[in-house]
Amino acid sequence: MSDRVTLYGKPGCHLCDDARAIVAAVCAELGVTWSEIDITQDEQLFKEYGEQIPVTFVDGRQHDFWRVDPIRLKRALTS
């Protein structure tokens, strides 16, 4: 089974740090698995998401970029 939430980001990104904390908290509260992908390790991902990070995906579909709204994320994971 794959993770329900995927966070695309890169090291040294303060918005990614903020998003990581929110994703971790919401997922822990709901018992949902999540993972993080460093876009600097993949040229195509860097081209695709370099100007939007952090980018979150829920169940394989793009959910948000730049900021993660915990209420909106929780709603997506419980509906």
PDB file of N, CA and C in Angstrom:
ATOM      1  N   MET A   1       0.848  -1.183   0.000  1.00  0.00           N
ATOM      2  CA  MET A   1       0.000   0.000   0.000  1.00  0.00           C
ATOM      3  C   MET A   1       0.892   1.243   0.000  1.00  0.00           C
ATOM      4  N   SER A   2       0.587   2.195  -0.848  1.00  0.00           N
ATOM      5  CA  SER A   2       1.408   3.397  -0.927  1.00  0.00           C
ATOM      6  C   SER A   2       0.923   4.444   0.082  1.00  0.00           C
ATOM      7  N   ASP A   3       1.792   5.409   0.310  1.00  0.00           N
ATOM      8  CA  ASP A   3       1.457   6.488   1.227  1.00  0.00           C
ATOM      9  C   ASP A   3       0.319   7.318   0.654  1.00  0.00           C
ATOM     10  N   ARG A   4      -0.572   7.782   1.508  1.00  0.00           N
ATOM     11  CA  ARG A   4      -1.705   8.589   1.042  1.00  0.00           C
ATOM     12  C   ARG A   4      -1.291  10.002   0.686  1.00  0.00           C
ATOM     13  N   VAL A   5      -0.270  10.520   1.390  1.00  0.00           N
ATOM     14  CA  VAL A   5       0.187  11.887   1.154  1.00  0.00           C
ATOM     15  C   VAL A   5       1.647  11.853   0.737  1.00  0.00           C
ATOM     16  N   THR A   6       1.960  12.623  -0.289  1.00  0.00           N
ATOM     17  CA  THR A   6       3.343  12.786  -0.728  1.00  0.00           C
ATOM     18  C   THR A   6       3.649  14.272  -0.756  1.00  0.00           C
ATOM     19  N   LEU A   7       4.762  14.630  -0.154  1.00  0.00           N
ATOM     20  CA  LEU A   7       5.214  16.018  -0.128  1.00  0.00           C
ATOM     21  C   LEU A   7       6.458  16.135  -1.002  1.00  0.00           C
ATOM     22  N   TYR A   8       6.380  16.985  -2.013  1.00  0.00           N
ATOM     23  CA  TYR A   8       7.527  17.264  -2.873  1.00  0.00           C
ATOM     24  C   TYR A   8       8.159  18.568  -2.392  1.00  0.00           C
ATOM     25  N   GLY A   9       9.458  18.529  -2.130  1.00  0.00           N
ATOM     26  CA  GLY A   9      10.145  19.717  -1.655  1.00  0.00           C
ATOM     27  C   GLY A   9      11.628  19.615  -1.930  1.00  0.00           C
ATOM     28  N   LYS A  10      12.385  20.485  -1.242  1.00  0.00           N
ATOM     29  CA  LYS A  10      13.837  20.436  -1.382  1.00  0.00           C
ATOM     30  C   LYS A  10      14.466  20.945  -0.090  1.00  0.00           C
ATOM     31  N   PRO A  11      15.706  20.554   0.172  1.00  0.00           N
ATOM     32  CA  PRO A  11      16.403  21.015   1.370  1.00  0.00           C
ATOM     33  C   PRO A  11      16.573  22.538   1.359  1.00  0.00           C
ATOM     34  N   GLY A  12      16.505  23.125   2.543  1.00  0.00           N
ATOM     35  CA  GLY A  12      16.720  24.557   2.673  1.00  0.00           C
ATOM     36  C   GLY A  12      15.520  25.414   2.316  1.00  0.00           C
ATOM     37  N   CYS A  13      14.388  24.814   2.098  1.00  0.00           N
ATOM     38  CA  CYS A  13      13.160  25.518   1.724  1.00  0.00           C
ATOM     39  C   CYS A  13      12.310  25.712   2.981  1.00  0.00           C
ATOM     40  N   HIS A  14      12.181  26.963   3.433  1.00  0.00           N
ATOM     41  CA  HIS A  14      11.425  27.195   4.669  1.00  0.00           C
ATOM     42  C   HIS A  14       9.943  26.869   4.511  1.00  0.00           C
ATOM     43  N   LEU A  15       9.377  27.069   3.329  1.00  0.00           N
ATOM     44  CA  LEU A  15       7.987  26.680   3.119  1.00  0.00           C
ATOM     45  C   LEU A  15       7.825  25.166   3.188  1.00  0.00           C
ATOM     46  N   CYS A  16       8.842  24.438   2.720  1.00  0.00           N
ATOM     47  CA  CYS A  16       8.816  22.974   2.792  1.00  0.00           C
ATOM     48  C   CYS A  16       8.869  22.525   4.255  1.00  0.00           C
ATOM     49  N   ASP A  17       9.682  23.211   5.048  1.00  0.00           N
ATOM     50  CA  ASP A  17       9.759  22.889   6.475  1.00  0.00           C
ATOM     51  C   ASP A  17       8.400  23.086   7.141  1.00  0.00           C
ATOM     52  N   ASP A  18       7.738  24.190   6.831  1.00  0.00           N
ATOM     53  CA  ASP A  18       6.410  24.454   7.385  1.00  0.00           C
ATOM     54  C   ASP A  18       5.413  23.387   6.928  1.00  0.00           C
ATOM     55  N   ALA A  19       5.448  23.071   5.648  1.00  0.00           N
ATOM     56  CA  ALA A  19       4.528  22.073   5.099  1.00  0.00           C
ATOM     57  C   ALA A  19       4.768  20.705   5.727  1.00  0.00           C
ATOM     58  N   ARG A  20       6.033  20.339   5.899  1.00  0.00           N
ATOM     59  CA  ARG A  20       6.386  19.055   6.493  1.00  0.00           C
ATOM     60  C   ARG A  20       5.779  18.916   7.893  1.00  0.00           C
ATOM     61  N   ALA A  21       5.871  19.966   8.680  1.00  0.00           N
ATOM     62  CA  ALA A  21       5.327  19.931  10.043  1.00  0.00           C
ATOM     63  C   ALA A  21       3.810  19.744  10.027  1.00  0.00           C
ATOM     64  N   ILE A  22       3.130  20.437   9.113  1.00  0.00           N
ATOM     65  CA  ILE A  22       1.675  20.314   9.023  1.00  0.00           C
ATOM     66  C   ILE A  22       1.275  18.935   8.523  1.00  0.00           C
ATOM     67  N   VAL A  23       1.920  18.466   7.473  1.00  0.00           N
ATOM     68  CA  VAL A  23       1.612  17.129   6.932  1.00  0.00           C
ATOM     69  C   VAL A  23       1.855  16.066   7.995  1.00  0.00           C
ATOM     70  N   ALA A  24       2.978  16.143   8.682  1.00  0.00           N
ATOM     71  CA  ALA A  24       3.295  15.154   9.716  1.00  0.00           C
ATOM     72  C   ALA A  24       2.245  15.157  10.822  1.00  0.00           C
ATOM     73  N   ALA A  25       1.832  16.340  11.265  1.00  0.00           N
ATOM     74  CA  ALA A  25       0.852  16.441  12.347  1.00  0.00           C
ATOM     75  C   ALA A  25      -0.516  15.909  11.919  1.00  0.00           C
ATOM     76  N   VAL A  26      -0.991  16.313  10.756  1.00  0.00           N
ATOM     77  CA  VAL A  26      -2.302  15.870  10.275  1.00  0.00           C
ATOM     78  C   VAL A  26      -2.299  14.365  10.037  1.00  0.00           C
ATOM     79  N   CYS A  27      -1.255  13.868   9.408  1.00  0.00           N
ATOM     80  CA  CYS A  27      -1.184  12.430   9.128  1.00  0.00           C
ATOM     81  C   CYS A  27      -1.086  11.613  10.414  1.00  0.00           C
ATOM     82  N   ALA A  28      -0.337  12.103  11.389  1.00  0.00           N
ATOM     83  CA  ALA A  28      -0.234  11.396  12.674  1.00  0.00           C
ATOM     84  C   ALA A  28      -1.595  11.364  13.368  1.00  0.00           C
ATOM     85  N   GLU A  29      -2.292  12.482  13.338  1.00  0.00           N
ATOM     86  CA  GLU A  29      -3.608  12.552  13.972  1.00  0.00           C
ATOM     87  C   GLU A  29      -4.595  11.575  13.346  1.00  0.00           C
ATOM     88  N   LEU A  30      -4.519  11.415  12.027  1.00  0.00           N
ATOM     89  CA  LEU A  30      -5.463  10.554  11.309  1.00  0.00           C
ATOM     90  C   LEU A  30      -4.950   9.133  11.093  1.00  0.00           C
ATOM     91  N   GLY A  31      -3.702   8.871  11.470  1.00  0.00           N
ATOM     92  CA  GLY A  31      -3.130   7.540  11.253  1.00  0.00           C
ATOM     93  C   GLY A  31      -2.873   7.245   9.788  1.00  0.00           C
ATOM     94  N   VAL A  32      -2.497   8.271   9.048  1.00  0.00           N
ATOM     95  CA  VAL A  32      -2.271   8.166   7.602  1.00  0.00           C
ATOM     96  C   VAL A  32      -0.767   8.192   7.330  1.00  0.00           C
ATOM     97  N   THR A  33      -0.325   7.387   6.386  1.00  0.00           N
ATOM     98  CA  THR A  33       1.093   7.385   6.030  1.00  0.00           C
ATOM     99  C   THR A  33       1.388   8.483   5.017  1.00  0.00           C
ATOM    100  N   TRP A  34       2.634   8.971   5.067  1.00  0.00           N
ATOM    101  CA  TRP A  34       3.059  10.005   4.128  1.00  0.00           C
ATOM    102  C   TRP A  34       4.534   9.819   3.830  1.00  0.00           C
ATOM    103  N   SER A  35       4.959  10.436   2.741  1.00  0.00           N
ATOM    104  CA  SER A  35       6.366  10.377   2.360  1.00  0.00           C
ATOM    105  C   SER A  35       6.768  11.723   1.777  1.00  0.00           C
ATOM    106  N   GLU A  36       8.077  11.901   1.681  1.00  0.00           N
ATOM    107  CA  GLU A  36       8.606  13.148   1.129  1.00  0.00           C
ATOM    108  C   GLU A  36       9.590  12.824   0.020  1.00  0.00           C
ATOM    109  N   ILE A  37       9.535  13.589  -1.049  1.00  0.00           N
ATOM    110  CA  ILE A  37      10.435  13.410  -2.178  1.00  0.00           C
ATOM    111  C   ILE A  37      11.219  14.700  -2.384  1.00  0.00           C
ATOM    112  N   ASP A  38      12.537  14.569  -2.449  1.00  0.00           N
ATOM    113  CA  ASP A  38      13.437  15.684  -2.687  1.00  0.00           C
ATOM    114  C   ASP A  38      13.536  15.902  -4.189  1.00  0.00           C
ATOM    115  N   ILE A  39      12.978  17.007  -4.683  1.00  0.00           N
ATOM    116  CA  ILE A  39      12.948  17.240  -6.132  1.00  0.00           C
ATOM    117  C   ILE A  39      14.323  17.532  -6.713  1.00  0.00           C
ATOM    118  N   THR A  40      15.304  17.846  -5.859  1.00  0.00           N
ATOM    119  CA  THR A  40      16.648  18.115  -6.381  1.00  0.00           C
ATOM    120  C   THR A  40      17.334  16.834  -6.838  1.00  0.00           C
ATOM    121  N   GLN A  41      16.760  15.691  -6.502  1.00  0.00           N
ATOM    122  CA  GLN A  41      17.335  14.406  -6.891  1.00  0.00           C
ATOM    123  C   GLN A  41      16.790  13.885  -8.217  1.00  0.00           C
ATOM    124  N   ASP A  42      15.870  14.640  -8.821  1.00  0.00           N
ATOM    125  CA  ASP A  42      15.240  14.200 -10.069  1.00  0.00           C
ATOM    126  C   ASP A  42      15.039  15.425 -10.966  1.00  0.00           C
ATOM    127  N   GLU A  43      15.757  15.481 -12.066  1.00  0.00           N
ATOM    128  CA  GLU A  43      15.724  16.643 -12.950  1.00  0.00           C
ATOM    129  C   GLU A  43      14.311  16.959 -13.431  1.00  0.00           C
ATOM    130  N   GLN A  44      13.550  15.946 -13.793  1.00  0.00           N
ATOM    131  CA  GLN A  44      12.192  16.167 -14.288  1.00  0.00           C
ATOM    132  C   GLN A  44      11.295  16.749 -13.196  1.00  0.00           C
ATOM    133  N   LEU A  45      11.374  16.208 -11.981  1.00  0.00           N
ATOM    134  CA  LEU A  45      10.577  16.749 -10.879  1.00  0.00           C
ATOM    135  C   LEU A  45      10.975  18.189 -10.577  1.00  0.00           C
ATOM    136  N   PHE A  46      12.280  18.470 -10.657  1.00  0.00           N
ATOM    137  CA  PHE A  46      12.750  19.824 -10.393  1.00  0.00           C
ATOM    138  C   PHE A  46      12.190  20.800 -11.424  1.00  0.00           C
ATOM    139  N   LYS A  47      12.186  20.388 -12.701  1.00  0.00           N
ATOM    140  CA  LYS A  47      11.623  21.236 -13.754  1.00  0.00           C
ATOM    141  C   LYS A  47      10.124  21.451 -13.545  1.00  0.00           C
ATOM    142  N   GLU A  48       9.446  20.379 -13.157  1.00  0.00           N
ATOM    143  CA  GLU A  48       7.987  20.429 -13.036  1.00  0.00           C
ATOM    144  C   GLU A  48       7.520  21.204 -11.804  1.00  0.00           C
ATOM    145  N   TYR A  49       8.205  21.026 -10.677  1.00  0.00           N
ATOM    146  CA  TYR A  49       7.712  21.588  -9.419  1.00  0.00           C
ATOM    147  C   TYR A  49       8.622  22.632  -8.777  1.00  0.00           C
ATOM    148  N   GLY A  50       9.749  22.954  -9.406  1.00  0.00           N
ATOM    149  CA  GLY A  50      10.724  23.850  -8.799  1.00  0.00           C
ATOM    150  C   GLY A  50      10.184  25.198  -8.368  1.00  0.00           C
ATOM    151  N   GLU A  51       9.187  25.723  -9.081  1.00  0.00           N
ATOM    152  CA  GLU A  51       8.616  27.031  -8.737  1.00  0.00           C
ATOM    153  C   GLU A  51       7.374  26.927  -7.862  1.00  0.00           C
ATOM    154  N   GLN A  52       6.939  25.718  -7.546  1.00  0.00           N
ATOM    155  CA  GLN A  52       5.699  25.546  -6.785  1.00  0.00           C
ATOM    156  C   GLN A  52       5.905  24.959  -5.398  1.00  0.00           C
ATOM    157  N   ILE A  53       7.098  24.494  -5.095  1.00  0.00           N
ATOM    158  CA  ILE A  53       7.281  23.750  -3.849  1.00  0.00           C
ATOM    159  C   ILE A  53       6.975  24.591  -2.617  1.00  0.00           C
ATOM    160  N   PRO A  54       6.516  23.939  -1.585  1.00  0.00           N
ATOM    161  CA  PRO A  54       6.210  22.523  -1.514  1.00  0.00           C
ATOM    162  C   PRO A  54       4.912  22.187  -2.245  1.00  0.00           C
ATOM    163  N   VAL A  55       4.876  21.003  -2.801  1.00  0.00           N
ATOM    164  CA  VAL A  55       3.686  20.502  -3.485  1.00  0.00           C
ATOM    165  C   VAL A  55       3.235  19.253  -2.742  1.00  0.00           C
ATOM    166  N   THR A  56       1.946  19.188  -2.432  1.00  0.00           N
ATOM    167  CA  THR A  56       1.417  17.999  -1.767  1.00  0.00           C
ATOM    168  C   THR A  56       0.464  17.270  -2.704  1.00  0.00           C
ATOM    169  N   PHE A  57       0.556  15.960  -2.629  1.00  0.00           N
ATOM    170  CA  PHE A  57      -0.347  15.073  -3.354  1.00  0.00           C
ATOM    171  C   PHE A  57      -1.108  14.235  -2.333  1.00  0.00           C
ATOM    172  N   VAL A  58      -2.385  14.033  -2.587  1.00  0.00           N
ATOM    173  CA  VAL A  58      -3.208  13.153  -1.764  1.00  0.00           C
ATOM    174  C   VAL A  58      -3.763  12.077  -2.687  1.00  0.00           C
ATOM    175  N   ASP A  59      -3.496  10.837  -2.335  1.00  0.00           N
ATOM    176  CA  ASP A  59      -3.965   9.693  -3.123  1.00  0.00           C
ATOM    177  C   ASP A  59      -3.583   9.820  -4.600  1.00  0.00           C
ATOM    178  N   GLY A  60      -2.346  10.317  -4.839  1.00  0.00           N
ATOM    179  CA  GLY A  60      -1.812  10.378  -6.187  1.00  0.00           C
ATOM    180  C   GLY A  60      -2.222  11.579  -7.012  1.00  0.00           C
ATOM    181  N   ARG A  61      -3.029  12.468  -6.438  1.00  0.00           N
ATOM    182  CA  ARG A  61      -3.462  13.661  -7.174  1.00  0.00           C
ATOM    183  C   ARG A  61      -2.956  14.911  -6.470  1.00  0.00           C
ATOM    184  N   GLN A  62      -2.542  15.911  -7.268  1.00  0.00           N
ATOM    185  CA  GLN A  62      -2.034  17.140  -6.657  1.00  0.00           C
ATOM    186  C   GLN A  62      -3.126  17.794  -5.826  1.00  0.00           C
ATOM    187  N   HIS A  63      -2.740  18.149  -4.612  1.00  0.00           N
ATOM    188  CA  HIS A  63      -3.691  18.724  -3.661  1.00  0.00           C
ATOM    189  C   HIS A  63      -3.424  20.212  -3.432  1.00  0.00           C
ATOM    190  N   ASP A  64      -2.177  20.573  -3.212  1.00  0.00           N
ATOM    191  CA  ASP A  64      -1.812  21.946  -2.865  1.00  0.00           C
ATOM    192  C   ASP A  64      -0.406  22.255  -3.331  1.00  0.00           C
ATOM    193  N   PHE A  65      -0.067  23.532  -3.331  1.00  0.00           N
ATOM    194  CA  PHE A  65       1.319  23.949  -3.528  1.00  0.00           C
ATOM    195  C   PHE A  65       1.548  25.230  -2.740  1.00  0.00           C
ATOM    196  N   TRP A  66       2.796  25.523  -2.464  1.00  0.00           N
ATOM    197  CA  TRP A  66       3.291  26.647  -1.669  1.00  0.00           C
ATOM    198  C   TRP A  66       2.941  26.543  -0.190  1.00  0.00           C
ATOM    199  N   ARG A  67       1.706  26.401   0.143  1.00  0.00           N
ATOM    200  CA  ARG A  67       1.295  26.313   1.553  1.00  0.00           C
ATOM    201  C   ARG A  67       0.357  25.123   1.718  1.00  0.00           C
ATOM    202  N   VAL A  68       0.386  24.548   2.909  1.00  0.00           N
ATOM    203  CA  VAL A  68      -0.523  23.445   3.220  1.00  0.00           C
ATOM    204  C   VAL A  68      -1.501  23.936   4.275  1.00  0.00           C
ATOM    205  N   ASP A  69      -2.775  23.881   3.946  1.00  0.00           N
ATOM    206  CA  ASP A  69      -3.827  24.244   4.883  1.00  0.00           C
ATOM    207  C   ASP A  69      -4.222  22.971   5.641  1.00  0.00           C
ATOM    208  N   PRO A  70      -3.981  22.918   6.954  1.00  0.00           N
ATOM    209  CA  PRO A  70      -4.261  21.678   7.689  1.00  0.00           C
ATOM    210  C   PRO A  70      -5.726  21.262   7.646  1.00  0.00           C
ATOM    211  N   ILE A  71      -6.631  22.214   7.656  1.00  0.00           N
ATOM    212  CA  ILE A  71      -8.059  21.881   7.612  1.00  0.00           C
ATOM    213  C   ILE A  71      -8.421  21.281   6.261  1.00  0.00           C
ATOM    214  N   ARG A  72      -7.923  21.879   5.210  1.00  0.00           N
ATOM    215  CA  ARG A  72      -8.196  21.371   3.853  1.00  0.00           C
ATOM    216  C   ARG A  72      -7.575  19.985   3.657  1.00  0.00           C
ATOM    217  N   LEU A  73      -6.356  19.791   4.180  1.00  0.00           N
ATOM    218  CA  LEU A  73      -5.713  18.483   4.072  1.00  0.00           C
ATOM    219  C   LEU A  73      -6.500  17.432   4.838  1.00  0.00           C
ATOM    220  N   LYS A  74      -6.912  17.761   6.038  1.00  0.00           N
ATOM    221  CA  LYS A  74      -7.679  16.827   6.852  1.00  0.00           C
ATOM    222  C   LYS A  74      -8.982  16.466   6.144  1.00  0.00           C
ATOM    223  N   ARG A  75      -9.631  17.449   5.556  1.00  0.00           N
ATOM    224  CA  ARG A  75     -10.881  17.201   4.825  1.00  0.00           C
ATOM    225  C   ARG A  75     -10.645  16.252   3.662  1.00  0.00           C
ATOM    226  N   ALA A  76      -9.553  16.461   2.923  1.00  0.00           N
ATOM    227  CA  ALA A  76      -9.253  15.597   1.778  1.00  0.00           C
ATOM    228  C   ALA A  76      -8.988  14.156   2.218  1.00  0.00           C
ATOM    229  N   LEU A  77      -8.420  14.000   3.391  1.00  0.00           N
ATOM    230  CA  LEU A  77      -8.080  12.660   3.867  1.00  0.00           C
ATOM    231  C   LEU A  77      -9.238  11.936   4.548  1.00  0.00           C
ATOM    232  N   THR A  78     -10.282  12.663   4.880  1.00  0.00           N
ATOM    233  CA  THR A  78     -11.405  12.031   5.593  1.00  0.00           C
ATOM    234  C   THR A  78     -12.683  11.969   4.755  1.00  0.00           C
ATOM    235  N   SER A  79     -12.650  12.547   3.563  1.00  0.00           N
ATOM    236  CA  SER A  79     -13.884  12.531   2.746  1.00  0.00           C
ATOM    237  C   SER A  79     -13.865  11.391   1.751  1.00  0.00           C
TER     238      SER A  79
END
